[in-house]
Amino acid sequence: MAGLVKRPCAYCGGRGRVANMGIMPIWKTCVVCDGFRFVFTPNSFVKCQYCGGTGRRSTGATFRELVRCKNCRGTGWAELLLIPSQR
């Protein structure tokens, strides 16, 4: 069984809160770490390949709203996925 490792929350950058993308930022408690500024992940997890370890993905919309990465659920850490090489 793999142990757990305490790592800074990637979604909020270890601040415990996030701001909206508006003109006047409104700070809210981070939905990933619940304001604790860190997450516990299995020791075998590596930086998420889909979001690059940021915990966020762009929606591709006009305003490029950032949402939680579906692969790592915003933690920035996920299991190593072996993707077959393209030939």
C-alpha atoms as a PDB file:
ATOM      1  CA  MET A   1       0.000   0.000   0.000  1.00  0.00           C
ATOM      2  CA  ALA A   2       1.365   3.381  -0.993  1.00  0.00           C
ATOM      3  CA  GLY A   3       1.731   6.055   1.673  1.00  0.00           C
ATOM      4  CA  LEU A   4       0.247   9.513   1.467  1.00  0.00           C
ATOM      5  CA  VAL A   5       2.292  12.644   0.837  1.00  0.00           C
ATOM      6  CA  LYS A   6       1.317  16.171   1.919  1.00  0.00           C
ATOM      7  CA  ARG A   7       1.624  18.503  -1.093  1.00  0.00           C
ATOM      8  CA  PRO A   8       0.637  22.133  -1.704  1.00  0.00           C
ATOM      9  CA  CYS A   9      -2.716  22.528  -3.422  1.00  0.00           C
ATOM     10  CA  ALA A  10      -2.125  23.283  -7.093  1.00  0.00           C
ATOM     11  CA  TYR A  11      -5.571  24.787  -7.725  1.00  0.00           C
ATOM     12  CA  CYS A  12      -5.133  27.679  -5.271  1.00  0.00           C
ATOM     13  CA  GLY A  13      -1.333  27.737  -5.327  1.00  0.00           C
ATOM     14  CA  GLY A  14      -1.182  26.860  -1.634  1.00  0.00           C
ATOM     15  CA  ARG A  15      -3.105  30.001  -0.586  1.00  0.00           C
ATOM     16  CA  GLY A  16      -6.288  28.245   0.538  1.00  0.00           C
ATOM     17  CA  ARG A  17      -8.475  30.611  -1.461  1.00  0.00           C
ATOM     18  CA  VAL A  18      -9.107  31.569  -5.073  1.00  0.00           C
ATOM     19  CA  ALA A  19     -10.351  34.749  -6.754  1.00  0.00           C
ATOM     20  CA  ASN A  20     -12.920  35.029  -9.502  1.00  0.00           C
ATOM     21  CA  MET A  21     -11.831  36.264 -12.922  1.00  0.00           C
ATOM     22  CA  GLY A  22     -13.822  39.537 -12.767  1.00  0.00           C
ATOM     23  CA  ILE A  23     -12.712  43.151 -12.554  1.00  0.00           C
ATOM     24  CA  MET A  24     -13.092  43.238  -8.752  1.00  0.00           C
ATOM     25  CA  PRO A  25     -11.724  39.936  -7.430  1.00  0.00           C
ATOM     26  CA  ILE A  26     -13.858  38.173  -4.860  1.00  0.00           C
ATOM     27  CA  TRP A  27     -11.876  35.669  -2.804  1.00  0.00           C
ATOM     28  CA  LYS A  28     -13.509  32.355  -1.934  1.00  0.00           C
ATOM     29  CA  THR A  29     -12.312  29.283  -0.073  1.00  0.00           C
ATOM     30  CA  CYS A  30     -10.578  26.804  -2.398  1.00  0.00           C
ATOM     31  CA  VAL A  31     -12.934  23.975  -3.373  1.00  0.00           C
ATOM     32  CA  VAL A  32     -10.060  21.495  -3.723  1.00  0.00           C
ATOM     33  CA  CYS A  33      -8.211  21.851  -0.403  1.00  0.00           C
ATOM     34  CA  ASP A  34     -11.151  23.407   1.496  1.00  0.00           C
ATOM     35  CA  GLY A  35      -8.904  26.248   2.667  1.00  0.00           C
ATOM     36  CA  PHE A  36      -6.243  24.014   4.254  1.00  0.00           C
ATOM     37  CA  ARG A  37      -3.632  24.987   1.573  1.00  0.00           C
ATOM     38  CA  PHE A  38      -2.454  21.399   0.987  1.00  0.00           C
ATOM     39  CA  VAL A  39      -3.728  18.038  -0.234  1.00  0.00           C
ATOM     40  CA  PHE A  40      -2.759  14.460   0.569  1.00  0.00           C
ATOM     41  CA  THR A  41      -2.026  12.274  -2.449  1.00  0.00           C
ATOM     42  CA  PRO A  42      -0.616   8.761  -2.818  1.00  0.00           C
ATOM     43  CA  ASN A  43       3.180   8.602  -2.907  1.00  0.00           C
ATOM     44  CA  SER A  44       3.096   7.086  -6.416  1.00  0.00           C
ATOM     45  CA  PHE A  45       1.297  10.070  -7.995  1.00  0.00           C
ATOM     46  CA  VAL A  46       3.201  12.398 -10.346  1.00  0.00           C
ATOM     47  CA  LYS A  47       2.371  15.851 -11.744  1.00  0.00           C
ATOM     48  CA  CYS A  48      -0.786  15.619 -13.824  1.00  0.00           C
ATOM     49  CA  GLN A  49      -0.067  15.176 -17.528  1.00  0.00           C
ATOM     50  CA  TYR A  50      -3.224  16.975 -18.651  1.00  0.00           C
ATOM     51  CA  CYS A  51      -2.925  20.251 -16.736  1.00  0.00           C
ATOM     52  CA  GLY A  52       0.848  20.245 -16.196  1.00  0.00           C
ATOM     53  CA  GLY A  53       0.398  20.171 -12.430  1.00  0.00           C
ATOM     54  CA  THR A  54      -1.592  23.416 -12.242  1.00  0.00           C
ATOM     55  CA  GLY A  55      -4.911  21.767 -11.353  1.00  0.00           C
ATOM     56  CA  ARG A  56      -6.696  23.971 -13.909  1.00  0.00           C
ATOM     57  CA  ARG A  57      -7.770  23.619 -17.520  1.00  0.00           C
ATOM     58  CA  SER A  58      -8.990  26.258 -19.951  1.00  0.00           C
ATOM     59  CA  THR A  59     -12.549  25.880 -21.246  1.00  0.00           C
ATOM     60  CA  GLY A  60     -11.526  27.370 -24.581  1.00  0.00           C
ATOM     61  CA  ALA A  61     -14.336  29.928 -24.326  1.00  0.00           C
ATOM     62  CA  THR A  62     -13.915  33.574 -25.245  1.00  0.00           C
ATOM     63  CA  PHE A  63     -12.945  34.599 -21.715  1.00  0.00           C
ATOM     64  CA  ARG A  64     -10.850  31.442 -21.216  1.00  0.00           C
ATOM     65  CA  GLU A  65     -12.466  30.532 -17.948  1.00  0.00           C
ATOM     66  CA  LEU A  66     -10.341  28.162 -15.906  1.00  0.00           C
ATOM     67  CA  VAL A  67     -11.976  25.076 -14.441  1.00  0.00           C
ATOM     68  CA  ARG A  68     -10.695  22.177 -12.351  1.00  0.00           C
ATOM     69  CA  CYS A  69      -8.808  19.533 -14.292  1.00  0.00           C
ATOM     70  CA  LYS A  70     -10.942  16.392 -14.573  1.00  0.00           C
ATOM     71  CA  ASN A  71      -7.946  14.070 -14.441  1.00  0.00           C
ATOM     72  CA  CYS A  72      -6.423  15.220 -11.134  1.00  0.00           C
ATOM     73  CA  ARG A  73      -9.602  16.909  -9.742  1.00  0.00           C
ATOM     74  CA  GLY A  74      -7.633  20.101  -9.149  1.00  0.00           C
ATOM     75  CA  THR A  75      -4.898  18.676  -6.943  1.00  0.00           C
ATOM     76  CA  GLY A  76      -2.234  18.814  -9.670  1.00  0.00           C
ATOM     77  CA  TRP A  77      -1.216  15.204  -8.968  1.00  0.00           C
ATOM     78  CA  ALA A  78      -2.437  12.034 -10.676  1.00  0.00           C
ATOM     79  CA  GLU A  79      -1.434   8.494 -11.541  1.00  0.00           C
ATOM     80  CA  LEU A  80       1.134   8.146 -14.287  1.00  0.00           C
ATOM     81  CA  LEU A  81      -0.722   7.272 -17.484  1.00  0.00           C
ATOM     82  CA  LEU A  82       1.197   5.458 -20.142  1.00  0.00           C
ATOM     83  CA  ILE A  83       0.007   6.890 -23.444  1.00  0.00           C
ATOM     84  CA  PRO A  84       0.898   4.823 -26.514  1.00  0.00           C
ATOM     85  CA  SER A  85       3.310   6.628 -28.802  1.00  0.00           C
ATOM     86  CA  GLN A  86       1.921   7.841 -32.115  1.00  0.00           C
ATOM     87  CA  ARG A  87       3.578   6.343 -35.168  1.00  0.00           C
END
